[in-house]
Amino acid sequence: MKMNYYSDLFNTELAWIPRYVPYRLPKVQERWFPGVLIFPAIIKTNTAFGDIPVTTSYKDINLPDFNLDNSETGIRISKYVGGWDISLSYFRGFDVMPLMDASTDITVQLKDPSLLHMR
């Protein structure tokens, strides 16, 4: 929600974002998912182990609770003075830089674990 107030003395711009919505890693089936994080479904070993299946899962980040304390607010007071646009801004919220966490779990299961004890 955004509100602007204009006066002869100064201009005020208020903004309120009721719920923090972070940048997120796209889902595997989405267009912008990074291909470097797509692992093969099997690993071919060409040994007695045979093909090793690989399972991947991608953990999404936890959102903060939906309450007033976790909302974001900002205010900007500005004035045009002698050819200069002067402003004072304040923002209370979460980091605006896109931080991506690519947490990935890979599970590799052997078809016959007893083969690990071969000599």
Protein backbone atom coordinates (compact mmCIF):
# COMPACT_ATOMS: atom_id res chain seq x y z
CA MET A 1 0.00 0.00 0.00
CA LYS A 2 1.43 3.40 -0.94
CA MET A 3 0.29 6.93 -0.19
CA ASN A 4 1.66 10.24 -1.44
CA TYR A 5 0.96 13.60 0.19
CA TYR A 6 1.94 16.80 -1.59
CA SER A 7 2.15 20.22 0.05
CA ASP A 8 3.95 23.51 -0.54
CA LEU A 9 6.25 22.75 2.39
CA PHE A 10 7.35 19.21 1.38
CA ASN A 11 6.17 15.97 -0.22
CA THR A 12 5.67 12.78 1.77
CA GLU A 13 5.54 9.23 0.45
CA LEU A 14 4.47 6.40 2.78
CA ALA A 15 4.64 2.71 1.93
CA TRP A 16 3.46 -0.35 3.85
CA ILE A 17 3.95 -3.97 2.85
CA PRO A 18 1.84 -6.11 5.21
CA ARG A 19 3.61 -9.41 4.51
CA TYR A 20 7.24 -10.12 3.76
CA VAL A 21 7.57 -12.08 0.51
CA PRO A 22 11.19 -13.14 -0.06
CA TYR A 23 12.95 -13.96 -3.25
CA ARG A 24 12.88 -17.71 -3.67
CA LEU A 25 14.56 -20.36 -5.72
CA PRO A 26 12.22 -21.40 -8.57
CA LYS A 27 10.72 -24.89 -8.41
CA VAL A 28 12.39 -27.61 -10.50
CA GLN A 29 9.62 -27.56 -13.11
CA GLU A 30 9.67 -23.75 -13.43
CA ARG A 31 11.41 -21.94 -16.26
CA TRP A 32 14.12 -20.17 -14.24
CA PHE A 33 15.31 -23.10 -12.12
CA PRO A 34 19.15 -23.19 -12.39
CA GLY A 35 20.18 -26.17 -14.47
CA VAL A 36 23.38 -26.60 -12.47
CA LEU A 37 21.24 -27.86 -9.57
CA ILE A 38 19.61 -30.62 -11.62
CA PHE A 39 21.33 -33.91 -10.86
CA PRO A 40 21.10 -37.12 -12.89
CA ALA A 41 18.49 -39.67 -11.82
CA ILE A 42 21.13 -42.44 -11.77
CA ILE A 43 24.90 -42.72 -11.56
CA LYS A 44 26.34 -45.39 -13.82
CA THR A 45 29.27 -47.09 -12.08
CA ASN A 46 30.02 -49.91 -14.54
CA THR A 47 30.93 -52.02 -11.51
CA ALA A 48 29.29 -54.72 -9.41
CA PHE A 49 27.35 -51.95 -7.67
CA GLY A 50 25.34 -51.38 -10.84
CA ASP A 51 23.50 -48.13 -11.41
CA ILE A 52 23.03 -46.02 -8.29
CA PRO A 53 19.71 -44.14 -8.07
CA VAL A 54 19.90 -40.50 -6.98
CA THR A 55 17.03 -38.68 -5.25
CA THR A 56 17.07 -34.89 -4.83
CA SER A 57 14.93 -32.53 -2.81
CA TYR A 58 15.07 -28.75 -2.56
CA LYS A 59 14.12 -27.09 0.69
CA ASP A 60 12.22 -23.80 0.53
CA ILE A 61 12.84 -21.10 3.15
CA ASN A 62 10.48 -20.56 6.04
CA LEU A 63 8.39 -17.41 5.92
CA PRO A 64 8.11 -15.26 9.03
CA ASP A 65 4.77 -15.16 10.84
CA PHE A 66 2.07 -13.00 9.26
CA ASN A 67 1.76 -10.23 11.83
CA LEU A 68 2.33 -6.48 12.17
CA ASP A 69 5.85 -6.94 13.57
CA ASN A 70 6.93 -8.67 10.35
CA SER A 71 5.47 -6.09 7.98
CA GLU A 72 7.66 -3.58 6.14
CA THR A 73 7.29 0.20 6.21
CA GLY A 74 9.00 3.12 4.57
CA ILE A 75 8.73 6.89 4.44
CA ARG A 76 10.35 9.46 2.19
CA ILE A 77 10.13 13.21 2.72
CA SER A 78 11.30 15.28 -0.23
CA LYS A 79 11.51 18.87 -1.38
CA TYR A 80 12.64 20.54 -4.58
CA VAL A 81 15.05 23.36 -3.65
CA GLY A 82 16.89 25.53 -6.18
CA GLY A 83 17.15 22.85 -8.88
CA TRP A 84 17.90 20.06 -6.40
CA ASP A 85 15.59 17.28 -5.32
CA ILE A 86 16.45 16.68 -1.66
CA SER A 87 14.95 13.74 0.19
CA LEU A 88 15.18 11.92 3.48
CA SER A 89 14.22 8.22 3.53
CA TYR A 90 13.64 5.62 6.22
CA PHE A 91 12.89 1.93 5.68
CA ARG A 92 12.10 -0.71 8.28
CA GLY A 93 11.98 -4.20 6.90
CA PHE A 94 13.99 -7.10 5.63
CA ASP A 95 17.12 -7.00 3.51
CA VAL A 96 16.26 -5.93 -0.03
CA MET A 97 19.17 -7.83 -1.59
CA PRO A 98 18.13 -11.12 -3.23
CA LEU A 99 19.70 -13.87 -1.18
CA MET A 100 19.33 -17.35 -2.56
CA ASP A 101 19.84 -20.44 -0.51
CA ALA A 102 20.15 -23.50 -2.70
CA SER A 103 19.80 -26.15 -0.01
CA THR A 104 19.76 -29.48 -1.75
CA ASP A 105 19.67 -32.97 -0.29
CA ILE A 106 21.01 -35.79 -2.40
CA THR A 107 20.35 -39.37 -1.39
CA VAL A 108 22.30 -42.17 -3.03
CA GLN A 109 21.14 -45.72 -2.31
CA LEU A 110 23.04 -48.85 -3.20
CA LYS A 111 20.97 -51.70 -4.58
CA ASP A 112 22.93 -54.26 -2.55
CA PRO A 113 24.73 -52.77 0.49
CA SER A 114 26.44 -56.10 1.16
CA LEU A 115 28.71 -55.36 -1.82
CA LEU A 116 30.50 -52.78 0.35
CA HIS A 117 32.11 -55.61 2.31
CA MET A 118 33.64 -57.31 -0.76
CA ARG A 119 37.39 -57.88 -0.85
